[in-house]
Amino acid sequence: MIDYTKIHVLLADGKDRQVLPMSRALKSLGCTVTTINGSRLDNGWSSRYPDHRILDRSVKKSPENLLRAIESALVTGKYDLVITTTDPTAELLSLNKERLERYAKIAVVEPELFYAAYDKLNTMKICMENGIPCPKTLFGVKTPDDIISSGLGFPIILKPRKSFGSIGFRRIESSEELLEYCLENKIDLSECIVQEYIPQYDIQYIVSVFVDNEHHIKSLVVSSKNRWYPTDGGTSTLNITVDRPDIVESCSRLLELMGWRGCADIDLIQDPRDGAAKIMEINARPSGCVKICYEAGVDLTRQMIEAAFGEPVTDYTDYKKGVRLRCLLTDILWFIESENRFKARPSWFSMKNTKDQIFSLHDPLPGITYCIQAVLIYREEMAKRRRRY
């Protein structure tokens, strides 16, 4: 039996929105919580829930600085578990897991399993070889001619094998555009995913999963991604928990074939041409919309602690359907940009069963600091998504 009051958790990504629901859940269990922050505007600094806050402005400059900050905290012997919520930090911790676990448990998988998921081409290969719905994907591509002669019709999607948040995503309309784009930007196609374009006027899905150390799925929450920003492919602005047995089955099969353990965040897109929800990628960390899991009755942080310390993991056999999670700030941007602003279903103006990812009357300050920080980094973030690799 775990005495949660003796567990001190270090949340490594204080800037992230996931820190808010996760620190609140950890506090409700009785844990002590510390966040690492690069700014006083970070959620992990402004939130009322962390017990302690580490401010190190250098962590914003490089992964190496963040690793140094994490290790400097761990060598004090104060911490029992480290949790990350971003892909870059998950990669960092995975690569250094063996060394860091001399001081505390690290809630990420080993490098071999991490890269099996982080490399999107590997995920697509598993899906296509096992009949799991996914976009048609090309393998062994080295030159534009390989794509043109493949029979994969235009438009196509070109994106990095290893990326996140729609960074590097490019829709190519013709063979001429492909040749021009690859030449101008010196694209190494062996480092890219090349796949069919699935029209994005239908719905998308996010699946948050936890798998125990014996590879048994202990929770699986499916939520529809009804709106996203940028509108041509980006982060969700409104999610709703739904009942989709077909998605449960396909995601469960993928994780079983990968021999997965721990947290997984799986993105899918529904193809309006055949109605199938197709797997796009898997991320080895809690979902950006993890708050919806807690609102739907699934305590992911409890499961992470149980698995880390070798205890039986709580089995959540079901979750509440129809729970909505909104990020008002980016949803406003969606409203400004989208041509469907008054046609959205559910209505953009509806607040039924809706919680916000950031804003909360119980913890109001992060709502203010998040807005300030969002304004400061908006141009930089949009530039990343337009970047030509």
Protein backbone atom coordinates (compact mmCIF):
# COMPACT_ATOMS: atom_id res chain seq x y z
CA MET A 1 0.00 0.00 0.00
CA ILE A 2 1.45 3.33 -1.06
CA ASP A 3 1.58 6.14 1.48
CA TYR A 4 1.05 9.05 -0.90
CA THR A 5 1.87 11.60 1.79
CA LYS A 6 5.48 10.39 1.59
CA ILE A 7 5.73 10.72 -2.21
CA HIS A 8 7.44 13.85 -3.54
CA VAL A 9 6.84 14.35 -7.26
CA LEU A 10 8.91 16.57 -9.53
CA LEU A 11 6.94 17.91 -12.54
CA ALA A 12 9.64 18.68 -15.07
CA ASP A 13 7.63 20.87 -17.48
CA GLY A 14 6.22 23.74 -15.46
CA LYS A 15 5.24 25.71 -18.56
CA ASP A 16 2.78 23.06 -19.77
CA ARG A 17 -0.99 23.11 -19.34
CA GLN A 18 -0.94 19.47 -18.17
CA VAL A 19 0.79 20.63 -14.99
CA LEU A 20 -2.43 22.20 -13.71
CA PRO A 21 -4.71 19.13 -13.54
CA MET A 22 -1.84 16.80 -12.68
CA SER A 23 -0.56 18.88 -9.76
CA ARG A 24 -4.12 19.21 -8.47
CA ALA A 25 -4.63 15.44 -8.71
CA LEU A 26 -1.31 14.77 -6.98
CA LYS A 27 -2.25 17.12 -4.15
CA SER A 28 -5.61 15.40 -3.74
CA LEU A 29 -3.72 12.12 -3.24
CA GLY A 30 -1.57 13.75 -0.56
CA CYS A 31 1.68 13.99 -2.55
CA THR A 32 4.18 16.82 -2.30
CA VAL A 33 4.61 18.56 -5.65
CA THR A 34 7.49 20.60 -7.07
CA THR A 35 7.60 22.15 -10.55
CA ILE A 36 10.56 23.27 -12.68
CA ASN A 37 9.85 26.57 -14.40
CA GLY A 38 11.66 28.78 -16.87
CA SER A 39 9.54 31.82 -16.09
CA ARG A 40 7.29 33.26 -13.40
CA LEU A 41 4.59 33.17 -16.09
CA ASP A 42 4.70 29.36 -16.27
CA ASN A 43 1.63 27.47 -15.09
CA GLY A 44 3.75 25.54 -12.63
CA TRP A 45 4.87 28.79 -11.01
CA SER A 46 1.56 30.66 -10.91
CA SER A 47 -0.66 27.73 -9.86
CA ARG A 48 -1.70 27.41 -6.24
CA TYR A 49 -1.27 23.63 -6.17
CA PRO A 50 2.51 23.01 -6.23
CA ASP A 51 4.17 23.02 -2.80
CA HIS A 52 7.53 24.13 -4.16
CA ARG A 53 8.70 25.84 -7.33
CA ILE A 54 12.11 25.85 -8.96
CA LEU A 55 12.84 28.86 -11.18
CA ASP A 56 15.64 28.37 -13.69
CA ARG A 57 15.42 30.68 -16.70
CA SER A 58 18.12 28.73 -18.54
CA VAL A 59 15.83 25.73 -19.08
CA LYS A 60 14.09 27.63 -21.87
CA LYS A 61 17.32 27.84 -23.86
CA SER A 62 18.23 24.18 -24.34
CA PRO A 63 17.33 20.58 -23.40
CA GLU A 64 20.75 20.24 -21.81
CA ASN A 65 19.94 23.02 -19.37
CA LEU A 66 16.67 21.34 -18.43
CA LEU A 67 18.47 18.04 -17.89
CA ARG A 68 20.98 19.79 -15.66
CA ALA A 69 18.17 21.41 -13.65
CA ILE A 70 16.37 18.08 -13.22
CA GLU A 71 19.53 16.26 -12.13
CA SER A 72 20.51 19.08 -9.77
CA ALA A 73 17.13 18.71 -8.08
CA LEU A 74 17.31 14.91 -7.93
CA VAL A 75 20.77 14.67 -6.34
CA THR A 76 19.37 16.38 -3.24
CA GLY A 77 17.50 13.15 -2.50
CA LYS A 78 14.21 14.98 -1.96
CA TYR A 79 12.27 13.48 -4.87
CA ASP A 80 10.69 10.08 -5.45
CA LEU A 81 9.23 10.42 -8.96
CA VAL A 82 9.76 12.60 -12.03
CA ILE A 83 6.87 13.18 -14.45
CA THR A 84 7.14 14.85 -17.84
CA THR A 85 4.39 16.11 -20.12
CA THR A 86 6.26 17.02 -23.34
CA ASP A 87 7.90 15.02 -26.11
CA PRO A 88 11.32 16.75 -25.90
CA THR A 89 11.57 16.24 -22.14
CA ALA A 90 10.30 12.67 -22.42
CA GLU A 91 13.06 11.98 -24.93
CA LEU A 92 15.61 13.64 -22.65
CA LEU A 93 14.55 11.60 -19.62
CA SER A 94 14.32 8.37 -21.60
CA LEU A 95 17.89 8.71 -22.89
CA ASN A 96 19.17 9.42 -19.38
CA LYS A 97 16.78 7.20 -17.46
CA GLU A 98 19.33 4.67 -16.24
CA ARG A 99 21.54 7.35 -14.71
CA LEU A 100 18.72 9.44 -13.24
CA GLU A 101 17.01 6.46 -11.61
CA ARG A 102 19.87 6.29 -9.14
CA TYR A 103 18.03 9.16 -7.45
CA ALA A 104 14.30 8.76 -8.24
CA LYS A 105 11.80 6.89 -10.38
CA ILE A 106 11.45 8.30 -13.90
CA ALA A 107 7.95 7.95 -15.40
CA VAL A 108 9.02 7.42 -19.02
CA VAL A 109 9.79 4.30 -21.04
CA GLU A 110 13.25 3.16 -22.08
CA PRO A 111 14.79 4.61 -25.30
CA GLU A 112 14.02 1.56 -27.46
CA LEU A 113 10.30 1.77 -26.73
CA PHE A 114 10.26 5.57 -26.77
CA TYR A 115 11.72 5.75 -30.28
CA ALA A 116 9.43 2.98 -31.50
CA ALA A 117 6.62 5.49 -30.92
CA TYR A 118 8.42 8.76 -31.59
CA ASP A 119 9.30 7.64 -35.12
CA LYS A 120 5.96 8.03 -36.91
CA LEU A 121 7.13 5.86 -39.80
CA ASN A 122 7.58 2.94 -37.42
CA THR A 123 4.05 3.42 -36.09
CA MET A 124 2.62 3.47 -39.61
CA LYS A 125 4.58 0.33 -40.49
CA ILE A 126 3.08 -1.60 -37.57
CA CYS A 127 -0.41 -0.40 -38.47
CA MET A 128 -0.17 -1.22 -42.17
CA GLU A 129 1.36 -4.66 -41.59
CA ASN A 130 -1.40 -5.59 -39.13
CA GLY A 131 -4.48 -4.13 -40.77
CA ILE A 132 -4.90 -1.31 -38.24
CA PRO A 133 -6.58 1.71 -39.88
CA CYS A 134 -4.06 4.42 -40.79
CA PRO A 135 -3.31 6.71 -43.76
CA LYS A 136 -1.64 5.04 -46.75
CA THR A 137 2.07 5.59 -46.16
CA LEU A 138 5.11 5.14 -48.39
CA PHE A 139 8.26 3.38 -47.17
CA GLY A 140 11.80 3.53 -48.48
CA VAL A 141 11.33 6.97 -50.05
CA LYS A 142 14.60 8.69 -50.96
CA THR A 143 13.78 10.92 -53.91
CA PRO A 144 10.77 12.84 -55.26
CA ASP A 145 10.65 10.34 -58.14
CA ASP A 146 9.98 7.56 -55.62
CA ILE A 147 6.82 9.41 -54.60
CA ILE A 148 5.72 10.37 -58.10
CA SER A 149 6.11 6.79 -59.40
CA SER A 150 4.45 5.21 -56.35
CA GLY A 151 0.88 5.76 -57.53
CA LEU A 152 0.00 7.67 -54.36
CA GLY A 153 -2.23 10.42 -55.72
CA PHE A 154 -1.89 14.11 -54.90
CA PRO A 155 -2.43 15.91 -52.66
CA ILE A 156 -0.02 14.22 -50.26
CA ILE A 157 1.25 15.01 -46.79
CA LEU A 158 4.92 15.53 -46.02
CA LYS A 159 6.04 15.81 -42.41
CA PRO A 160 9.05 14.90 -40.25
CA ARG A 161 9.24 11.35 -38.91
CA LYS A 162 10.01 12.85 -35.50
CA SER A 163 8.08 15.98 -34.56
CA PHE A 164 5.08 17.20 -32.58
CA GLY A 165 2.32 19.82 -32.62
CA SER A 166 1.99 19.85 -36.45
CA ILE A 167 5.51 21.31 -36.75
CA GLY A 168 6.85 20.70 -40.27
CA PHE A 169 3.46 19.58 -41.60
CA ARG A 170 3.17 20.30 -45.35
CA ARG A 171 0.42 19.56 -47.86
CA ILE A 172 1.75 19.07 -51.40
CA GLU A 173 -0.70 19.55 -54.26
CA SER A 174 1.27 18.31 -57.29
CA SER A 175 4.46 16.68 -58.52
CA GLU A 176 5.71 20.11 -59.63
CA GLU A 177 5.20 21.55 -56.15
CA LEU A 178 6.91 18.51 -54.63
CA LEU A 179 10.01 18.92 -56.78
CA GLU A 180 10.17 22.65 -56.12
CA TYR A 181 9.64 22.27 -52.38
CA CYS A 182 12.27 19.55 -51.96
CA LEU A 183 14.82 21.46 -54.03
CA GLU A 184 14.32 24.85 -52.38
CA ASN A 185 14.40 23.47 -48.84
CA LYS A 186 16.94 20.66 -49.33
CA ILE A 187 14.51 18.10 -47.94
CA ASP A 188 15.91 14.72 -46.91
CA LEU A 189 12.93 12.53 -47.75
CA SER A 190 14.36 9.59 -45.79
CA GLU A 191 13.62 11.64 -42.67
CA CYS A 192 10.02 12.33 -43.69
CA ILE A 193 6.65 10.68 -43.57
CA VAL A 194 5.00 10.61 -46.99
CA GLN A 195 1.35 9.66 -46.90
CA GLU A 196 -2.04 10.25 -48.46
CA TYR A 197 -3.87 13.41 -47.57
CA ILE A 198 -7.03 12.77 -45.59
CA PRO A 199 -9.55 15.62 -45.91
CA GLN A 200 -9.74 17.45 -42.59
CA TYR A 201 -13.33 18.60 -42.63
CA ASP A 202 -14.40 15.57 -40.58
CA ILE A 203 -13.58 14.90 -36.93
CA GLN A 204 -10.34 13.89 -35.21
CA TYR A 205 -9.75 11.89 -32.02
CA ILE A 206 -7.31 11.76 -29.13
CA VAL A 207 -6.89 8.62 -27.03
CA SER A 208 -5.28 8.76 -23.60
CA VAL A 209 -4.11 5.35 -22.39
CA PHE A 210 -2.28 3.87 -19.43
CA VAL A 211 -0.69 0.41 -19.65
CA ASP A 212 0.74 -1.35 -16.59
CA ASN A 213 4.10 -3.11 -16.37
CA GLU A 214 2.52 -6.41 -17.44
CA HIS A 215 1.24 -4.73 -20.64
CA HIS A 216 -2.41 -4.64 -19.52
CA ILE A 217 -4.44 -1.58 -20.47
CA LYS A 218 -5.73 -0.02 -17.25
CA SER A 219 -7.46 3.04 -18.69
CA LEU A 220 -8.37 4.24 -22.15
CA VAL A 221 -10.24 7.50 -22.71
CA VAL A 222 -11.39 8.43 -26.22
CA SER A 223 -12.23 12.05 -26.93
CA SER A 224 -13.25 13.69 -30.16
CA LYS A 225 -11.18 16.61 -31.36
CA ASN A 226 -13.99 18.80 -32.63
CA ARG A 227 -11.96 21.94 -33.28
CA TRP A 228 -8.25 22.59 -33.62
CA TYR A 229 -5.86 25.45 -34.21
CA PRO A 230 -4.20 26.16 -36.59
CA THR A 231 -7.25 25.14 -38.62
CA ASP A 232 -5.19 23.33 -41.25
CA GLY A 233 -3.87 20.89 -38.64
CA GLY A 234 -2.93 21.70 -35.07
CA THR A 235 -3.67 21.37 -31.36
CA SER A 236 -7.23 20.70 -30.22
CA THR A 237 -9.30 23.58 -28.87
CA LEU A 238 -12.39 21.53 -27.96
CA ASN A 239 -12.54 17.86 -26.97
CA ILE A 240 -15.52 15.71 -25.97
CA THR A 241 -15.32 12.23 -24.44
CA VAL A 242 -17.08 9.71 -26.67
CA ASP A 243 -17.91 6.02 -26.95
CA ARG A 244 -15.97 4.51 -29.88
CA PRO A 245 -15.37 0.74 -29.50
CA ASP A 246 -13.64 0.64 -32.90
CA ILE A 247 -11.05 3.15 -31.74
CA VAL A 248 -10.57 1.28 -28.47
CA GLU A 249 -9.93 -1.90 -30.43
CA SER A 250 -7.46 -0.43 -32.94
CA CYS A 251 -5.46 1.48 -30.31
CA SER A 252 -5.37 -1.53 -28.00
CA ARG A 253 -4.02 -3.69 -30.82
CA LEU A 254 -1.31 -1.16 -31.65
CA LEU A 255 -0.14 -0.91 -28.04
CA GLU A 256 -0.16 -4.69 -27.67
CA LEU A 257 1.96 -5.13 -30.80
CA MET A 258 4.42 -2.50 -29.55
CA GLY A 259 4.68 -4.11 -26.11
CA TRP A 260 3.76 -0.77 -24.58
CA ARG A 261 4.00 0.32 -20.94
CA GLY A 262 3.02 3.54 -19.19
CA CYS A 263 1.30 6.60 -20.68
CA ALA A 264 0.40 6.87 -24.33
CA ASP A 265 -1.30 9.64 -26.29
CA ILE A 266 -2.65 8.48 -29.67
CA ASP A 267 -3.94 10.82 -32.38
CA LEU A 268 -6.45 9.68 -35.02
CA ILE A 269 -8.29 11.31 -37.90
CA GLN A 270 -11.66 10.17 -39.25
CA ASP A 271 -11.56 9.69 -43.00
CA PRO A 272 -14.78 11.16 -44.47
CA ARG A 273 -14.35 8.93 -47.51
CA ASP A 274 -14.88 5.66 -45.63
CA GLY A 275 -15.78 6.72 -42.06
CA ALA A 276 -12.78 4.94 -40.50
CA ALA A 277 -10.84 6.55 -37.65
CA LYS A 278 -7.19 6.21 -38.70
CA ILE A 279 -4.17 6.32 -36.41
CA MET A 280 -1.77 9.18 -37.11
CA GLU A 281 0.80 8.97 -34.31
CA ILE A 282 1.53 7.91 -30.75
CA ASN A 283 3.27 10.00 -28.10
CA ALA A 284 5.01 8.58 -25.04
CA ARG A 285 3.61 11.02 -22.47
CA PRO A 286 0.31 12.28 -21.04
CA SER A 287 -1.97 13.95 -23.55
CA GLY A 288 -2.08 17.72 -23.81
CA CYS A 289 -5.79 17.45 -22.97
CA VAL A 290 -5.14 15.11 -20.01
CA LYS A 291 -7.50 17.19 -17.86
CA ILE A 292 -10.42 15.57 -19.66
CA CYS A 293 -9.37 12.20 -18.19
CA TYR A 294 -9.72 13.54 -14.65
CA GLU A 295 -13.05 15.17 -15.46
CA ALA A 296 -14.21 11.83 -16.91
CA GLY A 297 -13.26 9.96 -13.75
CA VAL A 298 -9.79 8.57 -14.58
CA ASP A 299 -6.87 9.46 -12.26
CA LEU A 300 -3.84 9.06 -14.47
CA THR A 301 -1.36 10.30 -11.88
CA ARG A 302 -2.48 7.62 -9.41
CA GLN A 303 -1.79 5.03 -12.09
CA MET A 304 1.64 6.48 -12.83
CA ILE A 305 2.65 6.34 -9.18
CA GLU A 306 1.32 2.80 -8.74
CA ALA A 307 3.24 1.55 -11.78
CA ALA A 308 6.43 3.37 -10.80
CA PHE A 309 6.50 1.75 -7.36
CA GLY A 310 5.47 -1.73 -8.46
CA GLU A 311 1.94 -1.67 -7.03
CA PRO A 312 -1.18 -3.06 -8.78
CA VAL A 313 -2.46 -0.32 -11.08
CA THR A 314 -6.02 0.91 -10.58
CA ASP A 315 -8.23 -0.37 -13.39
CA TYR A 316 -10.67 2.18 -14.79
CA THR A 317 -13.03 0.08 -16.86
CA ASP A 318 -15.15 3.02 -18.01
CA TYR A 319 -15.28 6.82 -18.12
CA LYS A 320 -17.94 9.52 -18.36
CA LYS A 321 -19.07 10.32 -21.89
CA GLY A 322 -20.03 13.80 -23.09
CA VAL A 323 -17.46 15.63 -20.95
CA ARG A 324 -16.11 18.66 -22.78
CA LEU A 325 -12.68 20.27 -22.43
CA ARG A 326 -11.97 23.60 -24.08
CA CYS A 327 -8.93 25.84 -24.43
CA LEU A 328 -10.71 29.18 -24.69
CA LEU A 329 -7.67 31.15 -25.82
CA THR A 330 -6.92 29.01 -28.89
CA ASP A 331 -10.64 28.43 -29.47
CA ILE A 332 -11.01 32.19 -29.92
CA LEU A 333 -8.28 32.04 -32.56
CA TRP A 334 -10.14 29.16 -34.22
CA PHE A 335 -13.32 31.27 -34.24
CA ILE A 336 -11.51 34.18 -35.87
CA GLU A 337 -9.90 32.05 -38.58
CA SER A 338 -12.48 29.36 -39.33
CA GLU A 339 -15.12 29.72 -42.04
CA ASN A 340 -17.32 27.39 -39.97
CA ARG A 341 -17.42 29.61 -36.89
CA PHE A 342 -21.24 29.73 -36.86
CA LYS A 343 -21.76 26.19 -38.15
CA ALA A 344 -19.68 24.33 -35.54
CA ARG A 345 -21.25 21.39 -33.73
CA PRO A 346 -21.42 21.71 -30.83
CA SER A 347 -21.89 25.44 -31.10
CA TRP A 348 -18.88 27.57 -30.30
CA PHE A 349 -21.09 29.43 -27.83
CA SER A 350 -22.23 26.29 -25.95
CA MET A 351 -20.80 25.73 -22.46
CA LYS A 352 -22.65 22.49 -21.68
CA ASN A 353 -20.59 20.08 -19.50
CA THR A 354 -17.53 22.18 -20.37
CA LYS A 355 -14.31 22.72 -18.42
CA ASP A 356 -11.44 24.90 -19.57
CA GLN A 357 -7.90 23.58 -19.86
CA ILE A 358 -6.44 26.61 -18.11
CA PHE A 359 -9.05 28.86 -16.53
CA SER A 360 -10.41 27.82 -13.13
CA LEU A 361 -12.03 29.71 -10.29
CA HIS A 362 -10.22 27.39 -7.88
CA ASP A 363 -6.85 28.33 -9.41
CA PRO A 364 -7.33 31.66 -11.21
CA LEU A 365 -3.80 33.04 -11.60
CA PRO A 366 -2.61 30.62 -14.34
CA GLY A 367 -5.40 31.91 -16.57
CA ILE A 368 -3.83 35.36 -16.44
CA THR A 369 -0.20 34.32 -16.80
CA TYR A 370 -1.05 31.84 -19.57
CA CYS A 371 -2.64 34.61 -21.64
CA ILE A 372 0.37 36.87 -21.18
CA GLN A 373 2.78 34.12 -22.13
CA ALA A 374 0.66 33.08 -25.13
CA VAL A 375 0.77 36.60 -26.53
CA LEU A 376 4.54 36.75 -26.07
CA ILE A 377 5.26 33.44 -27.84
CA TYR A 378 2.48 33.44 -30.47
CA ARG A 379 4.62 34.52 -33.41
CA GLU A 380 7.39 32.11 -32.50
CA GLU A 381 5.00 29.17 -32.25
CA MET A 382 3.32 29.94 -35.56
CA ALA A 383 6.74 30.27 -37.20
CA LYS A 384 7.63 26.77 -36.00
CA ARG A 385 4.55 25.36 -37.70
CA ARG A 386 5.39 27.13 -40.94
CA ARG A 387 9.04 26.12 -40.82
CA ARG A 388 10.42 24.35 -43.87
CA TYR A 389 12.12 21.61 -41.86
